PDB file of N, CA and C in Angstrom:
ATOM      1  N   UNK A   1      19.370  34.561  11.905  1.00  0.00           N
ATOM      2  CA  UNK A   1      18.820  33.488  11.115  1.00  0.00           C
ATOM      3  C   UNK A   1      18.501  34.065   9.732  1.00  0.00           C
ATOM      4  N   UNK A   2      18.913  33.365   8.710  1.00  0.00           N
ATOM      5  CA  UNK A   2      18.682  33.860   7.364  1.00  0.00           C
ATOM      6  C   UNK A   2      17.246  33.600   6.938  1.00  0.00           C
ATOM      7  N   UNK A   3      16.841  34.293   5.894  1.00  0.00           N
ATOM      8  CA  UNK A   3      15.470  34.134   5.406  1.00  0.00           C
ATOM      9  C   UNK A   3      15.257  32.735   4.843  1.00  0.00           C
ATOM     10  N   UNK A   4      16.281  32.197   4.195  1.00  0.00           N
ATOM     11  CA  UNK A   4      16.155  30.845   3.641  1.00  0.00           C
ATOM     12  C   UNK A   4      15.980  29.820   4.758  1.00  0.00           C
ATOM     13  N   UNK A   5      16.721  29.974   5.840  1.00  0.00           N
ATOM     14  CA  UNK A   5      16.608  29.049   6.967  1.00  0.00           C
ATOM     15  C   UNK A   5      15.211  29.117   7.578  1.00  0.00           C
ATOM     16  N   UNK A   6      14.642  30.313   7.651  1.00  0.00           N
ATOM     17  CA  UNK A   6      13.284  30.450   8.176  1.00  0.00           C
ATOM     18  C   UNK A   6      12.277  29.744   7.281  1.00  0.00           C
ATOM     19  N   UNK A   7      12.454  29.873   5.964  1.00  0.00           N
ATOM     20  CA  UNK A   7      11.535  29.198   5.036  1.00  0.00           C
ATOM     21  C   UNK A   7      11.668  27.684   5.137  1.00  0.00           C
ATOM     22  N   UNK A   8      12.889  27.192   5.336  1.00  0.00           N
ATOM     23  CA  UNK A   8      13.084  25.743   5.488  1.00  0.00           C
ATOM     24  C   UNK A   8      12.395  25.233   6.739  1.00  0.00           C
ATOM     25  N   UNK A   9      12.514  25.983   7.830  1.00  0.00           N
ATOM     26  CA  UNK A   9      11.872  25.569   9.072  1.00  0.00           C
ATOM     27  C   UNK A   9      10.350  25.610   8.948  1.00  0.00           C
ATOM     28  N   UNK A  10       9.845  26.633   8.266  1.00  0.00           N
ATOM     29  CA  UNK A  10       8.404  26.730   8.042  1.00  0.00           C
ATOM     30  C   UNK A  10       7.916  25.587   7.154  1.00  0.00           C
ATOM     31  N   UNK A  11       8.692  25.256   6.120  1.00  0.00           N
ATOM     32  CA  UNK A  11       8.359  24.150   5.220  1.00  0.00           C
ATOM     33  C   UNK A  11       8.343  22.831   5.989  1.00  0.00           C
ATOM     34  N   UNK A  12       9.337  22.625   6.857  1.00  0.00           N
ATOM     35  CA  UNK A  12       9.401  21.410   7.665  1.00  0.00           C
ATOM     36  C   UNK A  12       8.182  21.312   8.574  1.00  0.00           C
ATOM     37  N   UNK A  13       7.837  22.406   9.231  1.00  0.00           N
ATOM     38  CA  UNK A  13       6.692  22.380  10.137  1.00  0.00           C
ATOM     39  C   UNK A  13       5.405  22.087   9.370  1.00  0.00           C
ATOM     40  N   UNK A  14       5.242  22.682   8.204  1.00  0.00           N
ATOM     41  CA  UNK A  14       4.048  22.431   7.400  1.00  0.00           C
ATOM     42  C   UNK A  14       3.978  20.995   6.918  1.00  0.00           C
ATOM     43  N   UNK A  15       5.106  20.473   6.470  1.00  0.00           N
ATOM     44  CA  UNK A  15       5.152  19.090   5.998  1.00  0.00           C
ATOM     45  C   UNK A  15       4.823  18.107   7.117  1.00  0.00           C
ATOM     46  N   UNK A  16       5.377  18.351   8.291  1.00  0.00           N
ATOM     47  CA  UNK A  16       5.104  17.464   9.421  1.00  0.00           C
ATOM     48  C   UNK A  16       3.641  17.546   9.843  1.00  0.00           C
ATOM     49  N   UNK A  17       3.094  18.747   9.851  1.00  0.00           N
ATOM     50  CA  UNK A  17       1.689  18.909  10.227  1.00  0.00           C
ATOM     51  C   UNK A  17       0.768  18.180   9.241  1.00  0.00           C
ATOM     52  N   UNK A  18       1.046  18.327   7.961  1.00  0.00           N
ATOM     53  CA  UNK A  18       0.230  17.648   6.949  1.00  0.00           C
ATOM     54  C   UNK A  18       0.375  16.135   7.073  1.00  0.00           C
ATOM     55  N   UNK A  19       1.601  15.649   7.306  1.00  0.00           N
ATOM     56  CA  UNK A  19       1.802  14.204   7.442  1.00  0.00           C
ATOM     57  C   UNK A  19       1.049  13.646   8.643  1.00  0.00           C
ATOM     58  N   UNK A  20       1.083  14.370   9.752  1.00  0.00           N
ATOM     59  CA  UNK A  20       0.385  13.889  10.954  1.00  0.00           C
ATOM     60  C   UNK A  20      -1.129  13.934  10.740  1.00  0.00           C
ATOM     61  N   UNK A  21      -1.629  14.994  10.121  1.00  0.00           N
ATOM     62  CA  UNK A  21      -3.064  15.071   9.855  1.00  0.00           C
ATOM     63  C   UNK A  21      -3.516  13.966   8.905  1.00  0.00           C
ATOM     64  N   UNK A  22      -2.757  13.753   7.832  1.00  0.00           N
ATOM     65  CA  UNK A  22      -3.130  12.708   6.883  1.00  0.00           C
ATOM     66  C   UNK A  22      -2.909  11.313   7.452  1.00  0.00           C
ATOM     67  N   UNK A  23      -2.100  11.193   8.484  1.00  0.00           N
ATOM     68  CA  UNK A  23      -1.949   9.916   9.170  1.00  0.00           C
ATOM     69  C   UNK A  23      -3.077   9.658  10.153  1.00  0.00           C
ATOM     70  N   UNK A  24      -3.669  10.714  10.673  1.00  0.00           N
ATOM     71  CA  UNK A  24      -4.745  10.562  11.642  1.00  0.00           C
ATOM     72  C   UNK A  24      -6.099  10.306  11.014  1.00  0.00           C
ATOM     73  N   UNK A  25      -6.308  10.802   9.810  1.00  0.00           N
ATOM     74  CA  UNK A  25      -7.607  10.622   9.150  1.00  0.00           C
ATOM     75  C   UNK A  25      -7.933   9.143   8.923  1.00  0.00           C
ATOM     76  N   UNK A  26      -6.997   8.326   8.435  1.00  0.00           N
ATOM     77  CA  UNK A  26      -7.331   6.892   8.297  1.00  0.00           C
ATOM     78  C   UNK A  26      -7.628   6.213   9.634  1.00  0.00           C
ATOM     79  N   UNK A  27      -6.995   6.677  10.711  1.00  0.00           N
ATOM     80  CA  UNK A  27      -7.300   6.099  12.025  1.00  0.00           C
ATOM     81  C   UNK A  27      -8.729   6.415  12.432  1.00  0.00           C
ATOM     82  N   UNK A  28      -9.196   7.604  12.061  1.00  0.00           N
ATOM     83  CA  UNK A  28     -10.603   7.940  12.324  1.00  0.00           C
ATOM     84  C   UNK A  28     -11.523   7.041  11.495  1.00  0.00           C
ATOM     85  N   UNK A  29     -11.093   6.706  10.286  1.00  0.00           N
ATOM     86  CA  UNK A  29     -11.875   5.785   9.459  1.00  0.00           C
ATOM     87  C   UNK A  29     -11.971   4.405  10.081  1.00  0.00           C
ATOM     88  N   UNK A  30     -10.889   3.950  10.678  1.00  0.00           N
ATOM     89  CA  UNK A  30     -10.921   2.647  11.352  1.00  0.00           C
ATOM     90  C   UNK A  30     -11.858   2.713  12.554  1.00  0.00           C
ATOM     91  N   UNK A  31     -11.824   3.838  13.266  1.00  0.00           N
ATOM     92  CA  UNK A  31     -12.758   4.018  14.379  1.00  0.00           C
ATOM     93  C   UNK A  31     -14.201   3.960  13.911  1.00  0.00           C
ATOM     94  N   UNK A  32     -14.479   4.553  12.759  1.00  0.00           N
ATOM     95  CA  UNK A  32     -15.830   4.526  12.206  1.00  0.00           C
ATOM     96  C   UNK A  32     -16.231   3.097  11.832  1.00  0.00           C
ATOM     97  N   UNK A  33     -15.319   2.353  11.268  1.00  0.00           N
ATOM     98  CA  UNK A  33     -15.613   0.963  10.898  1.00  0.00           C
ATOM     99  C   UNK A  33     -15.939   0.143  12.147  1.00  0.00           C
ATOM    100  N   UNK A  34     -15.216   0.399  13.229  1.00  0.00           N
ATOM    101  CA  UNK A  34     -15.473  -0.328  14.476  1.00  0.00           C
ATOM    102  C   UNK A  34     -16.818   0.085  15.070  1.00  0.00           C
ATOM    103  N   UNK A  35     -17.112   1.398  15.055  1.00  0.00           N
ATOM    104  CA  UNK A  35     -18.372   1.888  15.634  1.00  0.00           C
ATOM    105  C   UNK A  35     -19.575   1.334  14.880  1.00  0.00           C
ATOM    106  N   UNK A  36     -19.487   1.273  13.547  1.00  0.00           N
ATOM    107  CA  UNK A  36     -20.627   0.787  12.766  1.00  0.00           C
ATOM    108  C   UNK A  36     -20.755  -0.731  12.819  1.00  0.00           C
ATOM    109  N   UNK A  37     -19.745  -1.414  13.303  1.00  0.00           N
ATOM    110  CA  UNK A  37     -19.827  -2.868  13.461  1.00  0.00           C
ATOM    111  C   UNK A  37     -19.493  -3.653  12.211  1.00  0.00           C
ATOM    112  N   UNK A  38     -18.917  -3.008  11.210  1.00  0.00           N
ATOM    113  CA  UNK A  38     -18.579  -3.735   9.980  1.00  0.00           C
ATOM    114  C   UNK A  38     -17.157  -4.278   9.998  1.00  0.00           C
ATOM    115  N   UNK A  39     -16.511  -4.243  11.147  1.00  0.00           N
ATOM    116  CA  UNK A  39     -15.133  -4.734  11.244  1.00  0.00           C
ATOM    117  C   UNK A  39     -15.083  -6.250  11.036  1.00  0.00           C
ATOM    118  N   UNK A  40     -16.179  -6.941  11.324  1.00  0.00           N
ATOM    119  CA  UNK A  40     -16.196  -8.398  11.216  1.00  0.00           C
ATOM    120  C   UNK A  40     -16.438  -8.886   9.794  1.00  0.00           C
ATOM    121  N   UNK A  41     -16.733  -7.989   8.879  1.00  0.00           N
ATOM    122  CA  UNK A  41     -16.952  -8.407   7.498  1.00  0.00           C
ATOM    123  C   UNK A  41     -15.628  -8.393   6.746  1.00  0.00           C
ATOM    124  N   UNK A  42     -15.598  -9.061   5.626  1.00  0.00           N
ATOM    125  CA  UNK A  42     -14.387  -9.089   4.807  1.00  0.00           C
ATOM    126  C   UNK A  42     -14.058  -7.684   4.321  1.00  0.00           C
ATOM    127  N   UNK A  43     -15.086  -6.942   3.902  1.00  0.00           N
ATOM    128  CA  UNK A  43     -14.862  -5.573   3.448  1.00  0.00           C
ATOM    129  C   UNK A  43     -14.273  -4.706   4.561  1.00  0.00           C
ATOM    130  N   UNK A  44     -14.789  -4.874   5.765  1.00  0.00           N
ATOM    131  CA  UNK A  44     -14.291  -4.097   6.889  1.00  0.00           C
ATOM    132  C   UNK A  44     -12.848  -4.427   7.223  1.00  0.00           C
ATOM    133  N   UNK A  45     -12.508  -5.714   7.151  1.00  0.00           N
ATOM    134  CA  UNK A  45     -11.128  -6.116   7.444  1.00  0.00           C
ATOM    135  C   UNK A  45     -10.155  -5.569   6.401  1.00  0.00           C
ATOM    136  N   UNK A  46     -10.505  -5.683   5.128  1.00  0.00           N
ATOM    137  CA  UNK A  46      -9.613  -5.173   4.091  1.00  0.00           C
ATOM    138  C   UNK A  46      -9.512  -3.655   4.144  1.00  0.00           C
ATOM    139  N   UNK A  47     -10.614  -2.983   4.407  1.00  0.00           N
ATOM    140  CA  UNK A  47     -10.571  -1.527   4.516  1.00  0.00           C
ATOM    141  C   UNK A  47      -9.711  -1.111   5.699  1.00  0.00           C
ATOM    142  N   UNK A  48      -9.786  -1.843   6.797  1.00  0.00           N
ATOM    143  CA  UNK A  48      -8.948  -1.537   7.956  1.00  0.00           C
ATOM    144  C   UNK A  48      -7.471  -1.712   7.628  1.00  0.00           C
ATOM    145  N   UNK A  49      -7.131  -2.767   6.911  1.00  0.00           N
ATOM    146  CA  UNK A  49      -5.739  -2.975   6.521  1.00  0.00           C
ATOM    147  C   UNK A  49      -5.240  -1.866   5.601  1.00  0.00           C
ATOM    148  N   UNK A  50      -6.062  -1.461   4.671  1.00  0.00           N
ATOM    149  CA  UNK A  50      -5.683  -0.385   3.751  1.00  0.00           C
ATOM    150  C   UNK A  50      -5.494   0.920   4.522  1.00  0.00           C
ATOM    151  N   UNK A  51      -6.414   1.228   5.426  1.00  0.00           N
ATOM    152  CA  UNK A  51      -6.311   2.465   6.192  1.00  0.00           C
ATOM    153  C   UNK A  51      -5.120   2.445   7.139  1.00  0.00           C
ATOM    154  N   UNK A  52      -4.825   1.294   7.732  1.00  0.00           N
ATOM    155  CA  UNK A  52      -3.634   1.186   8.584  1.00  0.00           C
ATOM    156  C   UNK A  52      -2.354   1.394   7.780  1.00  0.00           C
ATOM    157  N   UNK A  53      -2.321   0.884   6.568  1.00  0.00           N
ATOM    158  CA  UNK A  53      -1.159   1.069   5.709  1.00  0.00           C
ATOM    159  C   UNK A  53      -0.965   2.540   5.360  1.00  0.00           C
ATOM    160  N   UNK A  54      -2.047   3.201   4.979  1.00  0.00           N
ATOM    161  CA  UNK A  54      -1.953   4.634   4.670  1.00  0.00           C
ATOM    162  C   UNK A  54      -1.468   5.431   5.883  1.00  0.00           C
ATOM    163  N   UNK A  55      -2.044   5.141   7.026  1.00  0.00           N
ATOM    164  CA  UNK A  55      -1.659   5.842   8.238  1.00  0.00           C
ATOM    165  C   UNK A  55      -0.195   5.580   8.575  1.00  0.00           C
ATOM    166  N   UNK A  56       0.238   4.354   8.450  1.00  0.00           N
ATOM    167  CA  UNK A  56       1.631   4.006   8.738  1.00  0.00           C
ATOM    168  C   UNK A  56       2.609   4.707   7.819  1.00  0.00           C
ATOM    169  N   UNK A  57       2.269   4.844   6.550  1.00  0.00           N
ATOM    170  CA  UNK A  57       3.156   5.523   5.604  1.00  0.00           C
ATOM    171  C   UNK A  57       3.313   6.989   5.978  1.00  0.00           C
ATOM    172  N   UNK A  58       2.218   7.653   6.307  1.00  0.00           N
ATOM    173  CA  UNK A  58       2.313   9.067   6.671  1.00  0.00           C
ATOM    174  C   UNK A  58       3.054   9.270   7.988  1.00  0.00           C
ATOM    175  N   UNK A  59       2.801   8.410   8.974  1.00  0.00           N
ATOM    176  CA  UNK A  59       3.510   8.539  10.237  1.00  0.00           C
ATOM    177  C   UNK A  59       4.985   8.176  10.080  1.00  0.00           C
ATOM    178  N   UNK A  60       5.299   7.221   9.210  1.00  0.00           N
ATOM    179  CA  UNK A  60       6.696   6.895   8.949  1.00  0.00           C
ATOM    180  C   UNK A  60       7.408   8.077   8.308  1.00  0.00           C
ATOM    181  N   UNK A  61       6.739   8.774   7.400  1.00  0.00           N
ATOM    182  CA  UNK A  61       7.311   9.961   6.781  1.00  0.00           C
ATOM    183  C   UNK A  61       7.639  11.007   7.842  1.00  0.00           C
ATOM    184  N   UNK A  62       6.716  11.256   8.759  1.00  0.00           N
ATOM    185  CA  UNK A  62       6.948  12.238   9.815  1.00  0.00           C
ATOM    186  C   UNK A  62       8.089  11.794  10.725  1.00  0.00           C
ATOM    187  N   UNK A  63       8.124  10.523  11.076  1.00  0.00           N
ATOM    188  CA  UNK A  63       9.175  10.004  11.939  1.00  0.00           C
ATOM    189  C   UNK A  63      10.551  10.140  11.298  1.00  0.00           C
ATOM    190  N   UNK A  64      10.665   9.749  10.035  1.00  0.00           N
ATOM    191  CA  UNK A  64      11.958   9.823   9.363  1.00  0.00           C
ATOM    192  C   UNK A  64      12.421  11.263   9.186  1.00  0.00           C
ATOM    193  N   UNK A  65      11.499  12.165   8.919  1.00  0.00           N
ATOM    194  CA  UNK A  65      11.866  13.573   8.782  1.00  0.00           C
ATOM    195  C   UNK A  65      12.368  14.132  10.107  1.00  0.00           C
ATOM    196  N   UNK A  66      11.683  13.810  11.196  1.00  0.00           N
ATOM    197  CA  UNK A  66      12.136  14.265  12.506  1.00  0.00           C
ATOM    198  C   UNK A  66      13.488  13.666  12.863  1.00  0.00           C
ATOM    199  N   UNK A  67      13.686  12.405  12.548  1.00  0.00           N
ATOM    200  CA  UNK A  67      14.974  11.759  12.836  1.00  0.00           C
ATOM    201  C   UNK A  67      16.107  12.385  12.037  1.00  0.00           C
ATOM    202  N   UNK A  68      15.866  12.669  10.758  1.00  0.00           N
ATOM    203  CA  UNK A  68      16.894  13.264   9.921  1.00  0.00           C
ATOM    204  C   UNK A  68      17.252  14.675  10.363  1.00  0.00           C
ATOM    205  N   UNK A  69      16.295  15.390  10.915  1.00  0.00           N
ATOM    206  CA  UNK A  69      16.542  16.761  11.385  1.00  0.00           C
ATOM    207  C   UNK A  69      17.148  16.785  12.781  1.00  0.00           C
ATOM    208  N   UNK A  70      17.252  15.641  13.442  1.00  0.00           N
ATOM    209  CA  UNK A  70      17.899  15.572  14.748  1.00  0.00           C
ATOM    210  C   UNK A  70      16.980  15.826  15.928  1.00  0.00           C
ATOM    211  N   UNK A  71      15.672  15.820  15.703  1.00  0.00           N
ATOM    212  CA  UNK A  71      14.746  16.061  16.797  1.00  0.00           C
ATOM    213  C   UNK A  71      14.543  14.826  17.673  1.00  0.00           C
ATOM    214  N   UNK A  72      14.957  13.676  17.206  1.00  0.00           N
ATOM    215  CA  UNK A  72      14.769  12.432  17.956  1.00  0.00           C
ATOM    216  C   UNK A  72      16.107  11.894  18.439  1.00  0.00           C
ATOM    217  N   UNK A  73      16.941  12.771  18.959  1.00  0.00           N
ATOM    218  CA  UNK A  73      18.270  12.372  19.420  1.00  0.00           C
ATOM    219  C   UNK A  73      18.229  11.407  20.586  1.00  0.00           C
ATOM    220  N   UNK A  74      17.139  11.432  21.360  1.00  0.00           N
ATOM    221  CA  UNK A  74      17.047  10.541  22.516  1.00  0.00           C
ATOM    222  C   UNK A  74      16.902   9.082  22.102  1.00  0.00           C
ATOM    223  N   UNK A  75      16.610   8.815  20.824  1.00  0.00           N
ATOM    224  CA  UNK A  75      16.493   7.432  20.366  1.00  0.00           C
ATOM    225  C   UNK A  75      17.835   6.832  19.966  1.00  0.00           C
ATOM    226  N   UNK A  76      18.869   7.664  19.880  1.00  0.00           N
ATOM    227  CA  UNK A  76      20.193   7.180  19.498  1.00  0.00           C
ATOM    228  C   UNK A  76      20.797   6.378  20.641  1.00  0.00           C
ATOM    229  N   UNK A  77      21.536   5.355  20.279  1.00  0.00           N
ATOM    230  CA  UNK A  77      22.212   4.555  21.294  1.00  0.00           C
ATOM    231  C   UNK A  77      23.387   5.346  21.844  1.00  0.00           C
ATOM    232  N   UNK A  78      23.595   5.214  23.123  1.00  0.00           N
ATOM    233  CA  UNK A  78      24.733   5.880  23.757  1.00  0.00           C
ATOM    234  C   UNK A  78      26.009   5.165  23.342  1.00  0.00           C
ATOM    235  N   UNK A  79      27.028   5.945  23.040  1.00  0.00           N
ATOM    236  CA  UNK A  79      28.312   5.339  22.679  1.00  0.00           C
ATOM    237  C   UNK A  79      29.006   4.876  23.954  1.00  0.00           C
ATOM    238  N   UNK A  80      29.420   3.644  23.923  1.00  0.00           N
ATOM    239  CA  UNK A  80      30.079   3.070  25.084  1.00  0.00           C
ATOM    240  C   UNK A  80      31.523   3.564  25.140  1.00  0.00           C
ATOM    241  N   UNK A  81      32.039   3.667  26.332  1.00  0.00           N
ATOM    242  CA  UNK A  81      33.425   4.073  26.521  1.00  0.00           C
ATOM    243  C   UNK A  81      34.353   2.941  26.102  1.00  0.00           C
ATOM    244  N   UNK A  82      35.631   3.127  26.324  1.00  0.00           N
ATOM    245  CA  UNK A  82      36.575   2.063  25.955  1.00  0.00           C
ATOM    246  C   UNK A  82      36.279   0.794  26.746  1.00  0.00           C
ATOM    247  N   UNK A  83      36.459  -0.356  26.124  1.00  0.00           N
ATOM    248  CA  UNK A  83      36.160  -1.609  26.834  1.00  0.00           C
ATOM    249  C   UNK A  83      37.093  -1.795  28.022  1.00  0.00           C
ATOM    250  N   UNK A  84      36.520  -2.310  29.093  1.00  0.00           N
ATOM    251  CA  UNK A  84      37.308  -2.550  30.305  1.00  0.00           C
ATOM    252  C   UNK A  84      38.088  -3.842  30.143  1.00  0.00           C
ATOM    253  N   UNK A  85      39.308  -3.802  30.627  1.00  0.00           N
ATOM    254  CA  UNK A  85      40.132  -5.002  30.573  1.00  0.00           C
ATOM    255  C   UNK A  85      39.789  -5.901  31.768  1.00  0.00           C
ATOM    256  N   UNK A  86      39.784  -7.197  31.531  1.00  0.00           N
ATOM    257  CA  UNK A  86      39.495  -8.100  32.660  1.00  0.00           C
ATOM    258  C   UNK A  86      40.625  -8.011  33.695  1.00  0.00           C
ATOM    259  N   UNK A  87      40.315  -8.258  34.953  1.00  0.00           N
ATOM    260  CA  UNK A  87      41.361  -8.192  35.977  1.00  0.00           C
ATOM    261  C   UNK A  87      42.414  -9.259  35.724  1.00  0.00           C
ATOM    262  N   UNK A  88      43.632  -8.897  36.016  1.00  0.00           N
ATOM    263  CA  UNK A  88      44.755  -9.844  35.800  1.00  0.00           C
ATOM    264  C   UNK A  88      44.623 -10.985  36.798  1.00  0.00           C
ATOM    265  N   UNK A  89      44.874 -12.190  36.300  1.00  0.00           N
ATOM    266  CA  UNK A  89      44.783 -13.357  37.192  1.00  0.00           C
ATOM    267  C   UNK A  89      46.056 -13.425  38.042  1.00  0.00           C
ATOM    268  N   UNK A  90      45.854 -13.793  39.278  1.00  0.00           N
ATOM    269  CA  UNK A  90      47.003 -13.876  40.202  1.00  0.00           C
ATOM    270  C   UNK A  90      47.561 -15.290  40.174  1.00  0.00           C
ATOM    271  N   UNK A  91      48.873 -15.365  40.081  1.00  0.00           N
ATOM    272  CA  UNK A  91      49.527 -16.676  40.097  1.00  0.00           C
ATOM    273  C   UNK A  91      49.550 -17.180  41.529  1.00  0.00           C
ATOM    274  N   UNK A  92      49.177 -18.389  41.722  1.00  0.00           N
ATOM    275  CA  UNK A  92      49.104 -18.831  43.088  1.00  0.00           C
ATOM    276  C   UNK A  92      49.518 -20.186  43.334  1.00  0.00           C
TER     277      UNK A  92
END
C-alpha cells in the first residue's frame, strides 16, 4: 500500500468520523428540547426542524461518501439474468 493511499484512507476515516459526530450533536439538542418540554412551543418546533436539517445534511454527507467508496455495496440492486421466454403455446 502506498503512502498516498494510506493518507487517503486516513482522511476518509477522519471525514466520516467528523460527519457522524456533527450529525449526532443536533440530535442531542433535539433530545434536550424534548426533555425540557419546550417542544410544544413555536421556538421549540422551529429549533427542532433546524437541528434535524443540520443532522440530515451531515448524515447524508457520510452516506454519500460511503456509497461512493463502495462500502455500501449491499444496497445495490442485483442485476437480473437474461429474461425468460414465455413457454411456446401448443397448437391444439
